Amino acid sequence: ASSLPCSSRSGREPVPRNSSRPADPCPGGWLVVGARLQGITAFPTEPEVFATFAEILDYRPTYDVIAIHCHLSFPEEDTPGGRTCDKLARQLLGWPRSGAIGSPPSRRYLRTGDLDARAAKGLNPFNARLMRRFAEVAEEMQPYRQRQVFEVHPELSFYQLNEDRPMQHSKYTDEGVAERRALVEARIPGVDVVLEASLPGISPRHLLDATADMVTARRIAARAVDRLPEDPEWDEQGVRMELLR
């Protein structure tokens, strides 16, 4: 499965255990798009929104892979430019798509208590909106969970789908949405079940991001994934600092 702060799963039929799901932060929680595996092909299921990251982890039947569009590892102190994986992802995508790769806040920052008040003081708008999601993930993530949960990024997923070429347009433009939709429609069987979904607060770009990350989740399940970096570092909690594509 893939997740973004927002989530989804299918309620229409049982999902095989060897399935995957992406999760992405979104309004109201986490957007998740599950996938049913038939042979080597992954068919997406209807998206859903979960209120918390813990609900995704505790969902039964469990998923072999959860690909999450959210930082899983956090440096203890502020780190200019972010982790090595963030820097490598920006180099891979090039300007201007490299601007989509954010850096995680420090664990020290996440421990300061009033996240809303601190987010108002100098944190960039993207991280300010997601600060509580970061704190939620930091609370739940332990090294052993990295057998199941992996950090991904939609722009890296689209890069992989597009034969190692970055998207030409920003996803916040009509051209960018159309470009990404054409790509996933050409590459993913049954993708309309995701793209035509109507969920409160979920935009077409949320659905496109989750769909692309679902493909990366499938690659992870098939052990056909690329890691940034190939030899990852660990944060102070023992969580690998890496991005998969």
C-alpha atoms as a PDB file:
ATOM      1  CA  ALA A   1       0.000   0.000   0.000  1.00  0.00           C
ATOM      2  CA  SER A   2       1.045   3.540  -0.414  1.00  0.00           C
ATOM      3  CA  SER A   3       0.253   6.283   2.026  1.00  0.00           C
ATOM      4  CA  LEU A   4       0.394  10.025   2.143  1.00  0.00           C
ATOM      5  CA  PRO A   5      -0.668  11.990   5.141  1.00  0.00           C
ATOM      6  CA  CYS A   6      -4.171  10.799   4.105  1.00  0.00           C
ATOM      7  CA  SER A   7      -4.926   6.954   3.528  1.00  0.00           C
ATOM      8  CA  SER A   8      -6.989   4.226   1.738  1.00  0.00           C
ATOM      9  CA  ARG A   9      -7.977   0.548   1.514  1.00  0.00           C
ATOM     10  CA  SER A  10     -10.543  -1.520  -0.356  1.00  0.00           C
ATOM     11  CA  GLY A  11     -13.738  -2.682   1.276  1.00  0.00           C
ATOM     12  CA  ARG A  12     -15.078  -4.600  -1.713  1.00  0.00           C
ATOM     13  CA  GLU A  13     -13.110  -7.844  -1.491  1.00  0.00           C
ATOM     14  CA  PRO A  14     -10.344  -9.441   0.568  1.00  0.00           C
ATOM     15  CA  VAL A  15      -6.853  -8.269  -0.285  1.00  0.00           C
ATOM     16  CA  PRO A  16      -4.177 -10.980  -0.544  1.00  0.00           C
ATOM     17  CA  ARG A  17      -1.564 -10.889   2.181  1.00  0.00           C
ATOM     18  CA  ASN A  18       1.260 -10.309  -0.275  1.00  0.00           C
ATOM     19  CA  SER A  19      -0.203  -6.942  -1.217  1.00  0.00           C
ATOM     20  CA  SER A  20       1.094  -3.427  -0.884  1.00  0.00           C
ATOM     21  CA  ARG A  21      -0.220  -0.025  -0.059  1.00  0.00           C
ATOM     22  CA  PRO A  22       0.994   3.567  -0.277  1.00  0.00           C
ATOM     23  CA  ALA A  23       0.104   6.155   2.379  1.00  0.00           C
ATOM     24  CA  ASP A  24       0.234   9.923   2.006  1.00  0.00           C
ATOM     25  CA  PRO A  25      -0.560  12.720   4.460  1.00  0.00           C
ATOM     26  CA  CYS A  26      -3.759  14.519   3.489  1.00  0.00           C
ATOM     27  CA  PRO A  27      -6.605  16.539   5.009  1.00  0.00           C
ATOM     28  CA  GLY A  28      -8.199  14.403   7.688  1.00  0.00           C
ATOM     29  CA  GLY A  29      -5.381  11.916   8.106  1.00  0.00           C
ATOM     30  CA  TRP A  30      -3.689   9.587   5.640  1.00  0.00           C
ATOM     31  CA  LEU A  31      -4.712   8.688   2.105  1.00  0.00           C
ATOM     32  CA  VAL A  32      -4.060   5.022   1.348  1.00  0.00           C
ATOM     33  CA  VAL A  33      -4.342   3.145  -1.937  1.00  0.00           C
ATOM     34  CA  GLY A  34      -4.100  -0.625  -1.623  1.00  0.00           C
ATOM     35  CA  ALA A  35      -3.170  -3.067  -4.381  1.00  0.00           C
ATOM     36  CA  ARG A  36      -4.267  -6.628  -5.191  1.00  0.00           C
ATOM     37  CA  LEU A  37      -1.542  -8.733  -6.767  1.00  0.00           C
ATOM     38  CA  GLN A  38      -2.379 -10.999  -9.682  1.00  0.00           C
ATOM     39  CA  GLY A  39       0.821 -12.567 -10.937  1.00  0.00           C
ATOM     40  CA  ILE A  40       3.273  -9.725 -11.392  1.00  0.00           C
ATOM     41  CA  THR A  41       0.548  -7.096 -11.897  1.00  0.00           C
ATOM     42  CA  ALA A  42      -0.769  -4.885  -9.093  1.00  0.00           C
ATOM     43  CA  PHE A  43      -4.373  -3.710  -9.402  1.00  0.00           C
ATOM     44  CA  PRO A  44      -5.216  -0.686  -7.222  1.00  0.00           C
ATOM     45  CA  THR A  45      -8.191  -0.779  -4.880  1.00  0.00           C
ATOM     46  CA  GLU A  46     -10.511   2.027  -3.852  1.00  0.00           C
ATOM     47  CA  PRO A  47      -8.734   4.727  -1.827  1.00  0.00           C
ATOM     48  CA  GLU A  48      -9.637   5.459   1.784  1.00  0.00           C
ATOM     49  CA  VAL A  49      -8.619   7.906   4.476  1.00  0.00           C
ATOM     50  CA  PHE A  50      -7.338   6.715   7.854  1.00  0.00           C
ATOM     51  CA  ALA A  51      -7.341   9.093  10.797  1.00  0.00           C
ATOM     52  CA  THR A  52      -3.950   8.014  12.160  1.00  0.00           C
ATOM     53  CA  PHE A  53      -0.764   6.335  11.051  1.00  0.00           C
ATOM     54  CA  ALA A  54      -1.260   3.756  13.815  1.00  0.00           C
ATOM     55  CA  GLU A  55      -4.499   2.605  12.146  1.00  0.00           C
ATOM     56  CA  ILE A  56      -2.563   1.776   8.985  1.00  0.00           C
ATOM     57  CA  LEU A  57       0.023  -0.197  10.937  1.00  0.00           C
ATOM     58  CA  ASP A  58      -2.673  -2.092  12.863  1.00  0.00           C
ATOM     59  CA  TYR A  59      -4.913  -2.861   9.860  1.00  0.00           C
ATOM     60  CA  ARG A  60      -5.803  -6.541   9.390  1.00  0.00           C
ATOM     61  CA  PRO A  61      -5.015  -8.427   7.298  1.00  0.00           C
ATOM     62  CA  THR A  62      -1.550  -6.912   7.457  1.00  0.00           C
ATOM     63  CA  TYR A  63       0.246  -5.650   4.366  1.00  0.00           C
ATOM     64  CA  ASP A  64       3.651  -6.862   3.299  1.00  0.00           C
ATOM     65  CA  VAL A  65       4.645  -3.350   2.227  1.00  0.00           C
ATOM     66  CA  ILE A  66       3.549   0.126   3.299  1.00  0.00           C
ATOM     67  CA  ALA A  67       5.168   2.839   1.180  1.00  0.00           C
ATOM     68  CA  ILE A  68       4.728   6.159   2.917  1.00  0.00           C
ATOM     69  CA  HIS A  69       5.162   9.651   1.538  1.00  0.00           C
ATOM     70  CA  CYS A  70       6.375  11.085   4.819  1.00  0.00           C
ATOM     71  CA  HIS A  71       9.707  11.248   6.596  1.00  0.00           C
ATOM     72  CA  LEU A  72      10.388   8.113   8.629  1.00  0.00           C
ATOM     73  CA  SER A  73      13.792   9.142   9.995  1.00  0.00           C
ATOM     74  CA  PHE A  74      14.708  12.378  11.737  1.00  0.00           C
ATOM     75  CA  PRO A  75      18.130  13.801  12.627  1.00  0.00           C
ATOM     76  CA  GLU A  76      18.492  14.721  16.272  1.00  0.00           C
ATOM     77  CA  GLU A  77      19.561  18.285  15.424  1.00  0.00           C
ATOM     78  CA  ASP A  78      18.674  20.652  12.580  1.00  0.00           C
ATOM     79  CA  THR A  79      20.596  19.580   9.466  1.00  0.00           C
ATOM     80  CA  PRO A  80      20.996  22.151   6.627  1.00  0.00           C
ATOM     81  CA  GLY A  81      19.922  20.553   3.347  1.00  0.00           C
ATOM     82  CA  GLY A  82      18.464  17.551   5.127  1.00  0.00           C
ATOM     83  CA  ARG A  83      19.607  13.955   5.045  1.00  0.00           C
ATOM     84  CA  THR A  84      21.896  12.436   2.439  1.00  0.00           C
ATOM     85  CA  CYS A  85      18.871  10.751   0.805  1.00  0.00           C
ATOM     86  CA  ASP A  86      17.139  14.145   0.424  1.00  0.00           C
ATOM     87  CA  LYS A  87      20.197  15.641  -1.266  1.00  0.00           C
ATOM     88  CA  LEU A  88      20.574  12.679  -3.623  1.00  0.00           C
ATOM     89  CA  ALA A  89      16.874  12.795  -4.550  1.00  0.00           C
ATOM     90  CA  ARG A  90      17.192  16.481  -5.463  1.00  0.00           C
ATOM     91  CA  GLN A  91      20.243  15.752  -7.600  1.00  0.00           C
ATOM     92  CA  LEU A  92      18.378  12.973  -9.387  1.00  0.00           C
ATOM     93  CA  LEU A  93      15.278  15.052 -10.159  1.00  0.00           C
ATOM     94  CA  GLY A  94      17.111  18.258 -11.048  1.00  0.00           C
ATOM     95  CA  TRP A  95      15.648  21.743 -11.018  1.00  0.00           C
ATOM     96  CA  PRO A  96      12.767  22.570 -10.710  1.00  0.00           C
ATOM     97  CA  ARG A  97      11.352  19.198  -9.557  1.00  0.00           C
ATOM     98  CA  SER A  98      14.062  19.012  -6.901  1.00  0.00           C
ATOM     99  CA  GLY A  99      12.117  21.664  -4.983  1.00  0.00           C
ATOM    100  CA  ALA A 100       9.519  19.010  -4.110  1.00  0.00           C
ATOM    101  CA  ILE A 101      11.987  17.171  -1.851  1.00  0.00           C
ATOM    102  CA  GLY A 102      11.694  18.580   1.648  1.00  0.00           C
ATOM    103  CA  SER A 103      13.947  18.004   4.652  1.00  0.00           C
ATOM    104  CA  PRO A 104      12.683  16.554   7.926  1.00  0.00           C
ATOM    105  CA  PRO A 105      12.586  18.590  11.120  1.00  0.00           C
ATOM    106  CA  SER A 106      14.853  17.478  13.941  1.00  0.00           C
ATOM    107  CA  ARG A 107      13.685  15.172  16.704  1.00  0.00           C
ATOM    108  CA  ARG A 108      14.581  17.918  19.140  1.00  0.00           C
ATOM    109  CA  TYR A 109      12.104  20.179  17.341  1.00  0.00           C
ATOM    110  CA  LEU A 110       9.394  17.515  17.455  1.00  0.00           C
ATOM    111  CA  ARG A 111       9.846  17.119  21.204  1.00  0.00           C
ATOM    112  CA  THR A 112       9.244  20.798  21.983  1.00  0.00           C
ATOM    113  CA  GLY A 113       5.571  20.370  22.861  1.00  0.00           C
ATOM    114  CA  ASP A 114       3.370  22.994  21.241  1.00  0.00           C
ATOM    115  CA  LEU A 115       3.881  22.079  17.597  1.00  0.00           C
ATOM    116  CA  ASP A 116       1.277  24.530  16.308  1.00  0.00           C
ATOM    117  CA  ALA A 117       2.936  27.484  18.037  1.00  0.00           C
ATOM    118  CA  ARG A 118       6.418  26.507  16.907  1.00  0.00           C
ATOM    119  CA  ALA A 119       5.230  25.831  13.354  1.00  0.00           C
ATOM    120  CA  ALA A 120       4.090  29.433  13.161  1.00  0.00           C
ATOM    121  CA  LYS A 121       7.625  30.650  13.880  1.00  0.00           C
ATOM    122  CA  GLY A 122       9.709  30.330  10.776  1.00  0.00           C
ATOM    123  CA  LEU A 123       8.915  26.781   9.615  1.00  0.00           C
ATOM    124  CA  ASN A 124       8.223  26.536   5.892  1.00  0.00           C
ATOM    125  CA  PRO A 125       4.496  26.193   5.023  1.00  0.00           C
ATOM    126  CA  PHE A 126       4.750  22.575   3.852  1.00  0.00           C
ATOM    127  CA  ASN A 127       6.407  21.385   7.049  1.00  0.00           C
ATOM    128  CA  ALA A 128       4.099  23.535   9.175  1.00  0.00           C
ATOM    129  CA  ARG A 129       1.036  21.764   7.760  1.00  0.00           C
ATOM    130  CA  LEU A 130       2.609  18.357   8.215  1.00  0.00           C
ATOM    131  CA  MET A 131       4.288  18.925  11.585  1.00  0.00           C
ATOM    132  CA  ARG A 132       1.749  16.871  13.510  1.00  0.00           C
ATOM    133  CA  ARG A 133       1.998  14.076  10.951  1.00  0.00           C
ATOM    134  CA  PHE A 134       5.777  14.042  11.366  1.00  0.00           C
ATOM    135  CA  ALA A 135       5.403  13.828  15.138  1.00  0.00           C
ATOM    136  CA  GLU A 136       2.889  10.994  14.735  1.00  0.00           C
ATOM    137  CA  VAL A 137       5.270   8.978  12.558  1.00  0.00           C
ATOM    138  CA  ALA A 138       8.265   9.707  14.788  1.00  0.00           C
ATOM    139  CA  GLU A 139       6.271   8.337  17.725  1.00  0.00           C
ATOM    140  CA  GLU A 140       5.358   5.087  15.953  1.00  0.00           C
ATOM    141  CA  MET A 141       8.471   4.299  13.909  1.00  0.00           C
ATOM    142  CA  GLN A 142      10.916   1.793  15.347  1.00  0.00           C
ATOM    143  CA  PRO A 143      13.756   0.047  13.466  1.00  0.00           C
ATOM    144  CA  TYR A 144      11.866  -3.265  13.271  1.00  0.00           C
ATOM    145  CA  ARG A 145       9.019  -1.601  11.361  1.00  0.00           C
ATOM    146  CA  GLN A 146      11.333  -1.031   8.408  1.00  0.00           C
ATOM    147  CA  ARG A 147      10.726  -4.621   7.402  1.00  0.00           C
ATOM    148  CA  GLN A 148       7.275  -3.400   6.337  1.00  0.00           C
ATOM    149  CA  VAL A 149       7.263   0.414   6.173  1.00  0.00           C
ATOM    150  CA  PHE A 150       9.372   2.339   3.653  1.00  0.00           C
ATOM    151  CA  GLU A 151       9.790   6.019   2.815  1.00  0.00           C
ATOM    152  CA  VAL A 152       8.997   7.039  -0.760  1.00  0.00           C
ATOM    153  CA  HIS A 153       8.255  10.260  -2.627  1.00  0.00           C
ATOM    154  CA  PRO A 154       5.733  10.754  -5.455  1.00  0.00           C
ATOM    155  CA  GLU A 155       8.135  12.729  -7.651  1.00  0.00           C
ATOM    156  CA  LEU A 156      10.638   9.872  -7.440  1.00  0.00           C
ATOM    157  CA  SER A 157       7.830   7.433  -8.253  1.00  0.00           C
ATOM    158  CA  PHE A 158       6.794   9.467 -11.294  1.00  0.00           C
ATOM    159  CA  TYR A 159      10.454   9.717 -12.307  1.00  0.00           C
ATOM    160  CA  GLN A 160      10.681   5.915 -12.265  1.00  0.00           C
ATOM    161  CA  LEU A 161       7.386   5.491 -14.138  1.00  0.00           C
ATOM    162  CA  ASN A 162       8.553   8.006 -16.749  1.00  0.00           C
ATOM    163  CA  GLU A 163      11.657   5.987 -17.651  1.00  0.00           C
ATOM    164  CA  ASP A 164      13.974   7.937 -15.344  1.00  0.00           C
ATOM    165  CA  ARG A 165      12.864  11.362 -16.526  1.00  0.00           C
ATOM    166  CA  PRO A 166      11.410  14.052 -14.250  1.00  0.00           C
ATOM    167  CA  MET A 167       7.974  15.484 -14.877  1.00  0.00           C
ATOM    168  CA  GLN A 168       7.990  18.642 -16.981  1.00  0.00           C
ATOM    169  CA  HIS A 169       5.335  20.561 -15.032  1.00  0.00           C
ATOM    170  CA  SER A 170       4.537  21.201 -11.392  1.00  0.00           C
ATOM    171  CA  LYS A 171       1.759  19.017  -9.978  1.00  0.00           C
ATOM    172  CA  TYR A 172       0.108  22.229  -8.752  1.00  0.00           C
ATOM    173  CA  THR A 173      -0.690  23.241 -12.347  1.00  0.00           C
ATOM    174  CA  ASP A 174      -3.362  21.885 -14.689  1.00  0.00           C
ATOM    175  CA  GLU A 175      -0.584  20.829 -17.071  1.00  0.00           C
ATOM    176  CA  GLY A 176       1.174  18.925 -14.289  1.00  0.00           C
ATOM    177  CA  VAL A 177      -1.984  17.077 -13.256  1.00  0.00           C
ATOM    178  CA  ALA A 178      -2.720  16.148 -16.884  1.00  0.00           C
ATOM    179  CA  GLU A 179       0.871  15.001 -17.451  1.00  0.00           C
ATOM    180  CA  ARG A 180       0.845  12.736 -14.395  1.00  0.00           C
ATOM    181  CA  ARG A 181      -2.619  11.383 -15.110  1.00  0.00           C
ATOM    182  CA  ALA A 182      -1.674  10.422 -18.661  1.00  0.00           C
ATOM    183  CA  LEU A 183       1.388   8.599 -17.331  1.00  0.00           C
ATOM    184  CA  VAL A 184      -0.402   6.504 -14.699  1.00  0.00           C
ATOM    185  CA  GLU A 185      -3.311   5.738 -17.030  1.00  0.00           C
ATOM    186  CA  ALA A 186      -0.840   4.374 -19.581  1.00  0.00           C
ATOM    187  CA  ARG A 187       1.108   2.315 -17.040  1.00  0.00           C
ATOM    188  CA  ILE A 188      -1.341   1.070 -14.373  1.00  0.00           C
ATOM    189  CA  PRO A 189      -4.258  -1.296 -15.164  1.00  0.00           C
ATOM    190  CA  GLY A 190      -7.487  -0.394 -13.396  1.00  0.00           C
ATOM    191  CA  VAL A 191      -6.235   2.986 -12.192  1.00  0.00           C
ATOM    192  CA  ASP A 192      -9.647   4.636 -12.728  1.00  0.00           C
ATOM    193  CA  VAL A 193     -10.862   3.135  -9.438  1.00  0.00           C
ATOM    194  CA  VAL A 194      -8.446   5.533  -7.727  1.00  0.00           C
ATOM    195  CA  LEU A 195      -8.500   8.538 -10.022  1.00  0.00           C
ATOM    196  CA  GLU A 196     -12.303   8.730 -10.157  1.00  0.00           C
ATOM    197  CA  ALA A 197     -12.720   8.405  -6.378  1.00  0.00           C
ATOM    198  CA  SER A 198     -14.439  11.199  -4.463  1.00  0.00           C
ATOM    199  CA  LEU A 199     -13.224  11.697  -0.901  1.00  0.00           C
ATOM    200  CA  PRO A 200     -13.705  14.825   1.250  1.00  0.00           C
ATOM    201  CA  GLY A 201     -10.686  17.104   1.065  1.00  0.00           C
ATOM    202  CA  ILE A 202      -8.811  14.884  -1.397  1.00  0.00           C
ATOM    203  CA  SER A 203      -7.699  16.540  -4.620  1.00  0.00           C
ATOM    204  CA  PRO A 204      -6.770  14.880  -7.941  1.00  0.00           C
ATOM    205  CA  ARG A 205      -3.082  15.453  -7.177  1.00  0.00           C
ATOM    206  CA  HIS A 206      -3.419  13.573  -3.864  1.00  0.00           C
ATOM    207  CA  LEU A 207      -4.856  10.614  -5.773  1.00  0.00           C
ATOM    208  CA  LEU A 208      -2.164  10.784  -8.438  1.00  0.00           C
ATOM    209  CA  ASP A 209       0.612  10.883  -5.833  1.00  0.00           C
ATOM    210  CA  ALA A 210      -0.811   7.866  -3.995  1.00  0.00           C
ATOM    211  CA  THR A 211      -1.198   5.953  -7.254  1.00  0.00           C
ATOM    212  CA  ALA A 212       2.415   6.549  -8.275  1.00  0.00           C
ATOM    213  CA  ASP A 213       3.613   5.509  -4.826  1.00  0.00           C
ATOM    214  CA  MET A 214       1.525   2.341  -5.092  1.00  0.00           C
ATOM    215  CA  VAL A 215       3.744   1.337  -8.019  1.00  0.00           C
ATOM    216  CA  THR A 216       6.838   1.933  -5.887  1.00  0.00           C
ATOM    217  CA  ALA A 217       5.260  -0.198  -3.134  1.00  0.00           C
ATOM    218  CA  ARG A 218       4.842  -2.976  -5.701  1.00  0.00           C
ATOM    219  CA  ARG A 219       8.515  -2.611  -6.702  1.00  0.00           C
ATOM    220  CA  ILE A 220       9.523  -2.885  -3.052  1.00  0.00           C
ATOM    221  CA  ALA A 221       7.455  -6.058  -2.671  1.00  0.00           C
ATOM    222  CA  ALA A 222       9.169  -7.505  -5.755  1.00  0.00           C
ATOM    223  CA  ARG A 223      12.627  -6.510  -4.439  1.00  0.00           C
ATOM    224  CA  ALA A 224      13.173  -4.503  -7.611  1.00  0.00           C
ATOM    225  CA  VAL A 225      13.628  -1.136  -5.950  1.00  0.00           C
ATOM    226  CA  ASP A 226      16.450   1.426  -6.020  1.00  0.00           C
ATOM    227  CA  ARG A 227      17.621   3.002  -2.750  1.00  0.00           C
ATOM    228  CA  LEU A 228      18.943   6.483  -2.094  1.00  0.00           C
ATOM    229  CA  PRO A 229      21.644   6.127  -0.896  1.00  0.00           C
ATOM    230  CA  GLU A 230      22.642   2.521  -1.610  1.00  0.00           C
ATOM    231  CA  ASP A 231      24.436   2.407   1.740  1.00  0.00           C
ATOM    232  CA  PRO A 232      22.095   4.306   4.094  1.00  0.00           C
ATOM    233  CA  GLU A 233      22.849   6.045   7.359  1.00  0.00           C
ATOM    234  CA  TRP A 234      20.758   5.637  10.527  1.00  0.00           C
ATOM    235  CA  ASP A 235      19.235   8.269  12.775  1.00  0.00           C
ATOM    236  CA  GLU A 236      19.710   8.256  16.557  1.00  0.00           C
ATOM    237  CA  GLN A 237      16.670   5.944  16.960  1.00  0.00           C
ATOM    238  CA  GLY A 238      18.139   3.359  14.601  1.00  0.00           C
ATOM    239  CA  VAL A 239      15.793   4.140  11.676  1.00  0.00           C
ATOM    240  CA  ARG A 240      17.408   4.019   8.238  1.00  0.00           C
ATOM    241  CA  MET A 241      17.641   7.379   6.495  1.00  0.00           C
ATOM    242  CA  GLU A 242      16.740   6.430   2.922  1.00  0.00           C
ATOM    243  CA  LEU A 243      14.286   7.008   0.082  1.00  0.00           C
ATOM    244  CA  LEU A 244      13.143   4.172  -2.192  1.00  0.00           C
ATOM    245  CA  ARG A 245      12.057   4.419  -5.819  1.00  0.00           C
END
